[in-house]
Amino acid sequence: MLRLRAVWFTPVAAALLSFGLGTKKVVAQIQYPFSAIYNSETTLEPIAGNILKITNIGESANAPYGLTRLVNISYGNLDNNTGVITIEPDPATFGLNDLPLGNITIFGQGADKLFGTTRGSATLDFQNFVGTVSKDLILDDFP
């Protein structure tokens, strides 16, 4: 009987030892759907020449996961002839190296937050006091 157990345990031990030999590190990713409309107020602050600091502060009544507020800071270059603002998160893009990077934070009452940056363009209609914005939101893994 001792021999049968020894014979039986040997393949099991070899199988258990070989189980961890060819392992690779794997990173899991979970995607959560997120879509919300925020009512926001935008402030354009001239910094130098046609370069602007752009601040958006917004709220949403129905954003998922309780992420009902957003704060976005980015930088833009205004073309006075066309009314188009090119928006970037990095002020160095416009030759301003001593300013912090822009960012967007979406948050709520709890501890959940989303962090990222925005880039895009905005068109200002000076005659009708209307602006149209098209942006890409890039979310980061951490702030």
Foldseek 3Di string as FASTA:
>chain_A
DVVVVVVVVVVVVVVVVVPPPPDDDDDDDDDDDWDFDWDWDWDWDDDDDQKTWIWIWTATPDTPPQQGIKIWIWMWGADPVFQKTWTDQQCVVVPDHPDDGIKMWGHHDDDDIWIWHKTFMKHADVVVRDMDTDIDTDTDPDD
